Amino acid sequence: MSDSRKPSRISFKPVVRVPVSTPEGDSPNVKKELWQEILNWAKTIVFVLLFATVVNNFVIVNATVPSPSMEDTIRTGDRLVAFRLSYLFNDPQRYDIVVFNRPETRRLYVKRVLGLPGESLIILDGHVYINGSNISQRYDFVKGSIQGNFGVINEVTGALEPYIIPEGHFFVLGDYRVNSGDSRYWDEAYIPRGQILGRAVFRYFPGFANLSNR
């Protein structure tokens, strides 16, 4: 007798393996991108710092006005920019507003140039005489009254004689003459060319003001 039973079929379902993304699996790429981002930011910060250093040391002077000696042109606390390259090929000119340092005080000063190298200068009743003449002097920027006699006392005669400005030096005054410590009072009356850092070109706080034509 024949066996009529058919062999049973066993079906197998294919197992599909789906790759699972894990933080550990992505970690190398994520870290690489993060470090690249940090590196890019670091490069930008270093560039900005280097650029600011170069600009501040070789192009401009960022100064805060320390006293009222230049009122009303600029006031105490005003912030201004002086251009270092103004005197790269030229010397300071009369009436320029300059920023300079004095090593003995280790601070910045802002004053106006009145006397140039080689000139004689004397102040009589507040009026400035250059090489014996007062004809072309400006006073439109001077605040308040002008007064006083300033020069060099002759030790023999006691007479007041003109300052003789040495070559390479400048005589400076504040616009607020009655409230300014300047070449009239300093033991070293004249400012060496090498101590002048730049010409004041504009005030940026509070508000903008062009100083190059003052």
C-alpha atoms as a PDB file:
ATOM      1  CA  MET A   1       0.000   0.000   0.000  1.00  0.00           C
ATOM      2  CA  SER A   2       1.394   3.213  -1.040  1.00  0.00           C
ATOM      3  CA  ASP A   3       1.956   6.041   1.385  1.00  0.00           C
ATOM      4  CA  SER A   4      -0.369   8.879   0.282  1.00  0.00           C
ATOM      5  CA  ARG A   5       0.996  11.402   2.755  1.00  0.00           C
ATOM      6  CA  LYS A   6       2.840  14.276   1.177  1.00  0.00           C
ATOM      7  CA  PRO A   7       5.933  15.596   2.815  1.00  0.00           C
ATOM      8  CA  SER A   8       5.272  18.786   4.779  1.00  0.00           C
ATOM      9  CA  ARG A   9       6.882  21.984   3.582  1.00  0.00           C
ATOM     10  CA  ILE A  10       8.678  24.173   6.034  1.00  0.00           C
ATOM     11  CA  SER A  11       8.654  27.820   5.032  1.00  0.00           C
ATOM     12  CA  PHE A  12      11.449  30.137   6.080  1.00  0.00           C
ATOM     13  CA  LYS A  13      10.920  33.865   6.260  1.00  0.00           C
ATOM     14  CA  PRO A  14      13.971  35.863   5.290  1.00  0.00           C
ATOM     15  CA  VAL A  15      15.330  37.968   8.100  1.00  0.00           C
ATOM     16  CA  VAL A  16      16.001  41.521   7.046  1.00  0.00           C
ATOM     17  CA  ARG A  17      18.609  43.248   9.141  1.00  0.00           C
ATOM     18  CA  VAL A  18      18.168  47.006   9.342  1.00  0.00           C
ATOM     19  CA  PRO A  19      21.341  48.858  10.323  1.00  0.00           C
ATOM     20  CA  VAL A  20      20.768  50.891  13.427  1.00  0.00           C
ATOM     21  CA  SER A  21      22.570  54.216  13.714  1.00  0.00           C
ATOM     22  CA  THR A  22      24.100  54.666  17.120  1.00  0.00           C
ATOM     23  CA  PRO A  23      25.814  57.653  18.648  1.00  0.00           C
ATOM     24  CA  GLU A  24      28.923  55.563  18.801  1.00  0.00           C
ATOM     25  CA  GLY A  25      28.749  54.922  15.076  1.00  0.00           C
ATOM     26  CA  ASP A  26      28.415  58.645  14.198  1.00  0.00           C
ATOM     27  CA  SER A  27      30.860  59.842  16.821  1.00  0.00           C
ATOM     28  CA  PRO A  28      33.986  60.187  14.623  1.00  0.00           C
ATOM     29  CA  ASN A  29      32.217  62.355  12.025  1.00  0.00           C
ATOM     30  CA  VAL A  30      30.458  64.481  14.618  1.00  0.00           C
ATOM     31  CA  LYS A  31      33.700  65.091  16.479  1.00  0.00           C
ATOM     32  CA  LYS A  32      35.504  65.935  13.280  1.00  0.00           C
ATOM     33  CA  GLU A  33      32.876  68.485  12.257  1.00  0.00           C
ATOM     34  CA  LEU A  34      32.866  69.983  15.761  1.00  0.00           C
ATOM     35  CA  TRP A  35      36.645  70.388  15.819  1.00  0.00           C
ATOM     36  CA  GLN A  36      36.578  71.887  12.330  1.00  0.00           C
ATOM     37  CA  GLU A  37      33.999  74.431  13.480  1.00  0.00           C
ATOM     38  CA  ILE A  38      36.070  75.296  16.559  1.00  0.00           C
ATOM     39  CA  LEU A  39      39.179  75.636  14.402  1.00  0.00           C
ATOM     40  CA  ASN A  40      37.395  77.982  11.988  1.00  0.00           C
ATOM     41  CA  TRP A  41      36.207  80.173  14.856  1.00  0.00           C
ATOM     42  CA  ALA A  42      39.679  80.192  16.393  1.00  0.00           C
ATOM     43  CA  LYS A  43      41.197  81.298  13.071  1.00  0.00           C
ATOM     44  CA  THR A  44      38.639  84.096  12.785  1.00  0.00           C
ATOM     45  CA  ILE A  45      39.267  85.317  16.343  1.00  0.00           C
ATOM     46  CA  VAL A  46      43.051  85.241  15.872  1.00  0.00           C
ATOM     47  CA  PHE A  47      42.745  87.161  12.593  1.00  0.00           C
ATOM     48  CA  VAL A  48      40.505  89.808  14.162  1.00  0.00           C
ATOM     49  CA  LEU A  49      42.880  90.236  17.124  1.00  0.00           C
ATOM     50  CA  LEU A  50      45.919  90.493  14.863  1.00  0.00           C
ATOM     51  CA  PHE A  51      44.143  92.954  12.584  1.00  0.00           C
ATOM     52  CA  ALA A  52      43.051  95.110  15.534  1.00  0.00           C
ATOM     53  CA  THR A  53      46.593  95.041  16.947  1.00  0.00           C
ATOM     54  CA  VAL A  54      48.122  96.129  13.638  1.00  0.00           C
ATOM     55  CA  VAL A  55      45.538  98.885  13.146  1.00  0.00           C
ATOM     56  CA  ASN A  56      45.911 100.229  16.706  1.00  0.00           C
ATOM     57  CA  ASN A  57      49.704 100.165  16.662  1.00  0.00           C
ATOM     58  CA  PHE A  58      50.442 101.307  13.127  1.00  0.00           C
ATOM     59  CA  VAL A  59      47.377 103.071  11.696  1.00  0.00           C
ATOM     60  CA  ILE A  60      45.268 104.782  14.367  1.00  0.00           C
ATOM     61  CA  VAL A  61      45.333 105.953  17.961  1.00  0.00           C
ATOM     62  CA  ASN A  62      42.145 105.399  19.935  1.00  0.00           C
ATOM     63  CA  ALA A  63      42.210 108.030  22.684  1.00  0.00           C
ATOM     64  CA  THR A  64      39.960 109.318  25.431  1.00  0.00           C
ATOM     65  CA  VAL A  65      40.210 113.038  26.195  1.00  0.00           C
ATOM     66  CA  PRO A  66      41.616 113.196  29.748  1.00  0.00           C
ATOM     67  CA  SER A  67      40.827 116.796  30.743  1.00  0.00           C
ATOM     68  CA  PRO A  68      38.824 119.918  29.824  1.00  0.00           C
ATOM     69  CA  SER A  69      41.901 121.641  28.354  1.00  0.00           C
ATOM     70  CA  MET A  70      40.592 121.393  24.766  1.00  0.00           C
ATOM     71  CA  GLU A  71      37.057 122.657  25.368  1.00  0.00           C
ATOM     72  CA  ASP A  72      34.906 123.549  23.506  1.00  0.00           C
ATOM     73  CA  THR A  73      36.496 121.704  20.577  1.00  0.00           C
ATOM     74  CA  ILE A  74      36.448 118.433  22.489  1.00  0.00           C
ATOM     75  CA  ARG A  75      35.436 117.675  26.064  1.00  0.00           C
ATOM     76  CA  THR A  76      36.548 115.469  28.923  1.00  0.00           C
ATOM     77  CA  GLY A  77      35.616 111.862  28.223  1.00  0.00           C
ATOM     78  CA  ASP A  78      35.190 112.325  24.468  1.00  0.00           C
ATOM     79  CA  ARG A  79      36.611 109.462  22.468  1.00  0.00           C
ATOM     80  CA  LEU A  80      38.504 110.226  19.318  1.00  0.00           C
ATOM     81  CA  VAL A  81      40.637 108.646  16.641  1.00  0.00           C
ATOM     82  CA  ALA A  82      43.989 110.000  15.564  1.00  0.00           C
ATOM     83  CA  PHE A  83      45.611 108.896  12.312  1.00  0.00           C
ATOM     84  CA  ARG A  84      49.208 107.755  12.788  1.00  0.00           C
ATOM     85  CA  LEU A  85      49.999 107.936   9.088  1.00  0.00           C
ATOM     86  CA  SER A  86      49.190 111.666   8.896  1.00  0.00           C
ATOM     87  CA  TYR A  87      52.812 112.442   9.662  1.00  0.00           C
ATOM     88  CA  LEU A  88      54.425 109.589   7.797  1.00  0.00           C
ATOM     89  CA  PHE A  89      55.757 111.960   5.132  1.00  0.00           C
ATOM     90  CA  ASN A  90      54.894 115.378   6.613  1.00  0.00           C
ATOM     91  CA  ASP A  91      55.456 117.120   9.913  1.00  0.00           C
ATOM     92  CA  PRO A  92      52.647 118.457  12.105  1.00  0.00           C
ATOM     93  CA  GLN A  93      51.330 121.830  10.993  1.00  0.00           C
ATOM     94  CA  ARG A  94      50.215 124.819  13.023  1.00  0.00           C
ATOM     95  CA  TYR A  95      46.724 124.363  14.504  1.00  0.00           C
ATOM     96  CA  ASP A  96      46.746 120.575  14.064  1.00  0.00           C
ATOM     97  CA  ILE A  97      45.169 118.766  17.012  1.00  0.00           C
ATOM     98  CA  VAL A  98      47.632 116.058  17.964  1.00  0.00           C
ATOM     99  CA  VAL A  99      47.747 113.083  20.307  1.00  0.00           C
ATOM    100  CA  PHE A 100      51.087 112.532  21.989  1.00  0.00           C
ATOM    101  CA  ASN A 101      52.625 110.900  25.011  1.00  0.00           C
ATOM    102  CA  ARG A 102      54.927 112.198  27.693  1.00  0.00           C
ATOM    103  CA  PRO A 103      57.110 109.419  29.133  1.00  0.00           C
ATOM    104  CA  GLU A 104      57.335 111.096  32.529  1.00  0.00           C
ATOM    105  CA  THR A 105      53.566 110.750  33.061  1.00  0.00           C
ATOM    106  CA  ARG A 106      52.863 107.638  30.943  1.00  0.00           C
ATOM    107  CA  ARG A 107      49.600 109.019  29.595  1.00  0.00           C
ATOM    108  CA  LEU A 108      48.205 110.400  26.367  1.00  0.00           C
ATOM    109  CA  TYR A 109      47.658 114.118  25.805  1.00  0.00           C
ATOM    110  CA  VAL A 110      45.540 115.968  23.276  1.00  0.00           C
ATOM    111  CA  LYS A 111      46.621 119.534  22.429  1.00  0.00           C
ATOM    112  CA  ARG A 112      46.880 121.942  19.520  1.00  0.00           C
ATOM    113  CA  VAL A 113      50.169 122.733  17.784  1.00  0.00           C
ATOM    114  CA  LEU A 114      51.017 126.445  17.902  1.00  0.00           C
ATOM    115  CA  GLY A 115      54.784 126.668  17.526  1.00  0.00           C
ATOM    116  CA  LEU A 116      56.866 124.896  14.877  1.00  0.00           C
ATOM    117  CA  PRO A 117      60.549 123.868  14.881  1.00  0.00           C
ATOM    118  CA  GLY A 118      62.959 126.774  14.656  1.00  0.00           C
ATOM    119  CA  GLU A 119      60.383 129.464  15.460  1.00  0.00           C
ATOM    120  CA  SER A 120      60.403 131.965  18.298  1.00  0.00           C
ATOM    121  CA  LEU A 121      57.188 132.231  20.305  1.00  0.00           C
ATOM    122  CA  ILE A 122      56.097 134.525  23.104  1.00  0.00           C
ATOM    123  CA  ILE A 123      52.688 135.121  24.688  1.00  0.00           C
ATOM    124  CA  LEU A 124      51.844 138.678  25.742  1.00  0.00           C
ATOM    125  CA  ASP A 125      48.480 139.494  27.313  1.00  0.00           C
ATOM    126  CA  GLY A 126      47.285 136.126  26.034  1.00  0.00           C
ATOM    127  CA  HIS A 127      48.204 136.850  22.420  1.00  0.00           C
ATOM    128  CA  VAL A 128      50.621 134.489  20.691  1.00  0.00           C
ATOM    129  CA  TYR A 129      53.463 136.091  18.743  1.00  0.00           C
ATOM    130  CA  ILE A 130      55.329 133.903  16.259  1.00  0.00           C
ATOM    131  CA  ASN A 131      58.678 135.269  15.133  1.00  0.00           C
ATOM    132  CA  GLY A 132      57.613 138.654  16.519  1.00  0.00           C
ATOM    133  CA  SER A 133      54.281 138.806  14.692  1.00  0.00           C
ATOM    134  CA  ASN A 134      50.704 138.293  15.817  1.00  0.00           C
ATOM    135  CA  ILE A 135      49.107 139.221  12.496  1.00  0.00           C
ATOM    136  CA  SER A 136      48.002 135.787  11.284  1.00  0.00           C
ATOM    137  CA  GLN A 137      47.140 134.095  14.576  1.00  0.00           C
ATOM    138  CA  ARG A 138      43.772 132.354  14.974  1.00  0.00           C
ATOM    139  CA  TYR A 139      41.654 132.593  18.119  1.00  0.00           C
ATOM    140  CA  ASP A 140      38.313 131.273  16.873  1.00  0.00           C
ATOM    141  CA  PHE A 141      38.789 127.950  18.682  1.00  0.00           C
ATOM    142  CA  VAL A 142      39.895 129.494  22.001  1.00  0.00           C
ATOM    143  CA  LYS A 143      37.422 129.193  24.866  1.00  0.00           C
ATOM    144  CA  GLY A 144      37.078 132.029  27.355  1.00  0.00           C
ATOM    145  CA  SER A 145      39.460 134.898  27.820  1.00  0.00           C
ATOM    146  CA  ILE A 146      43.065 135.007  26.707  1.00  0.00           C
ATOM    147  CA  GLN A 147      45.463 136.366  29.248  1.00  0.00           C
ATOM    148  CA  GLY A 148      48.912 136.108  30.737  1.00  0.00           C
ATOM    149  CA  ASN A 149      52.508 136.573  29.676  1.00  0.00           C
ATOM    150  CA  PHE A 150      54.615 133.519  28.916  1.00  0.00           C
ATOM    151  CA  GLY A 151      58.129 133.118  27.659  1.00  0.00           C
ATOM    152  CA  VAL A 152      61.619 132.461  28.990  1.00  0.00           C
ATOM    153  CA  ILE A 153      62.952 134.585  31.834  1.00  0.00           C
ATOM    154  CA  ASN A 154      66.407 135.959  31.144  1.00  0.00           C
ATOM    155  CA  GLU A 155      68.367 135.064  34.282  1.00  0.00           C
ATOM    156  CA  VAL A 156      70.581 138.156  33.932  1.00  0.00           C
ATOM    157  CA  THR A 157      68.122 140.890  33.080  1.00  0.00           C
ATOM    158  CA  GLY A 158      64.893 139.319  34.326  1.00  0.00           C
ATOM    159  CA  ALA A 159      63.235 140.197  31.013  1.00  0.00           C
ATOM    160  CA  LEU A 160      60.673 137.951  29.398  1.00  0.00           C
ATOM    161  CA  GLU A 161      62.087 136.610  26.152  1.00  0.00           C
ATOM    162  CA  PRO A 162      60.584 134.341  23.458  1.00  0.00           C
ATOM    163  CA  TYR A 163      60.752 130.585  23.544  1.00  0.00           C
ATOM    164  CA  ILE A 164      63.098 129.339  20.845  1.00  0.00           C
ATOM    165  CA  ILE A 165      61.633 126.032  19.668  1.00  0.00           C
ATOM    166  CA  PRO A 166      64.364 123.487  18.899  1.00  0.00           C
ATOM    167  CA  GLU A 167      64.467 121.635  15.609  1.00  0.00           C
ATOM    168  CA  GLY A 168      62.314 118.524  15.675  1.00  0.00           C
ATOM    169  CA  HIS A 169      60.141 119.906  18.510  1.00  0.00           C
ATOM    170  CA  PHE A 170      56.737 121.592  18.801  1.00  0.00           C
ATOM    171  CA  PHE A 171      55.016 124.030  21.167  1.00  0.00           C
ATOM    172  CA  VAL A 172      51.453 123.022  22.080  1.00  0.00           C
ATOM    173  CA  LEU A 173      48.551 124.751  23.822  1.00  0.00           C
ATOM    174  CA  GLY A 174      45.065 123.757  24.922  1.00  0.00           C
ATOM    175  CA  ASP A 175      42.070 125.576  23.419  1.00  0.00           C
ATOM    176  CA  TYR A 176      40.794 126.347  26.933  1.00  0.00           C
ATOM    177  CA  ARG A 177      43.829 128.479  27.702  1.00  0.00           C
ATOM    178  CA  VAL A 178      42.921 129.382  31.277  1.00  0.00           C
ATOM    179  CA  ASN A 179      42.378 125.727  32.194  1.00  0.00           C
ATOM    180  CA  SER A 180      45.157 123.899  30.352  1.00  0.00           C
ATOM    181  CA  GLY A 181      48.460 122.421  31.428  1.00  0.00           C
ATOM    182  CA  ASP A 182      50.622 122.693  28.324  1.00  0.00           C
ATOM    183  CA  SER A 183      53.935 123.949  26.958  1.00  0.00           C
ATOM    184  CA  ARG A 184      53.600 127.155  29.002  1.00  0.00           C
ATOM    185  CA  TYR A 185      53.909 125.236  32.276  1.00  0.00           C
ATOM    186  CA  TRP A 186      55.914 122.084  31.604  1.00  0.00           C
ATOM    187  CA  ASP A 187      59.580 121.923  32.580  1.00  0.00           C
ATOM    188  CA  GLU A 188      60.162 120.349  29.178  1.00  0.00           C
ATOM    189  CA  ALA A 189      58.144 122.860  27.197  1.00  0.00           C
ATOM    190  CA  TYR A 190      58.638 121.361  23.745  1.00  0.00           C
ATOM    191  CA  ILE A 191      57.216 118.093  22.436  1.00  0.00           C
ATOM    192  CA  PRO A 192      59.677 115.989  20.419  1.00  0.00           C
ATOM    193  CA  ARG A 193      58.439 114.870  17.007  1.00  0.00           C
ATOM    194  CA  GLY A 194      58.876 111.241  18.041  1.00  0.00           C
ATOM    195  CA  GLN A 195      56.351 111.553  20.872  1.00  0.00           C
ATOM    196  CA  ILE A 196      53.563 112.744  18.573  1.00  0.00           C
ATOM    197  CA  LEU A 197      51.499 109.660  17.757  1.00  0.00           C
ATOM    198  CA  GLY A 198      49.088 111.114  15.221  1.00  0.00           C
ATOM    199  CA  ARG A 199      46.692 113.837  14.161  1.00  0.00           C
ATOM    200  CA  ALA A 200      43.178 113.786  15.619  1.00  0.00           C
ATOM    201  CA  VAL A 201      40.775 113.270  12.719  1.00  0.00           C
ATOM    202  CA  PHE A 202      37.368 112.643  14.271  1.00  0.00           C
ATOM    203  CA  ARG A 203      35.450 112.164  17.476  1.00  0.00           C
ATOM    204  CA  TYR A 204      33.186 109.116  17.558  1.00  0.00           C
ATOM    205  CA  PHE A 205      31.699 109.425  21.064  1.00  0.00           C
ATOM    206  CA  PRO A 206      29.461 111.067  22.014  1.00  0.00           C
ATOM    207  CA  GLY A 207      28.372 111.560  18.426  1.00  0.00           C
ATOM    208  CA  PHE A 208      30.532 112.134  15.393  1.00  0.00           C
ATOM    209  CA  ALA A 209      32.560 115.291  14.819  1.00  0.00           C
ATOM    210  CA  ASN A 210      35.226 116.009  12.212  1.00  0.00           C
ATOM    211  CA  LEU A 211      38.354 117.327  13.939  1.00  0.00           C
ATOM    212  CA  SER A 212      40.611 117.600  10.940  1.00  0.00           C
ATOM    213  CA  ASN A 213      39.236 121.018  10.007  1.00  0.00           C
ATOM    214  CA  ARG A 214      38.891 122.472  13.516  1.00  0.00           C
END
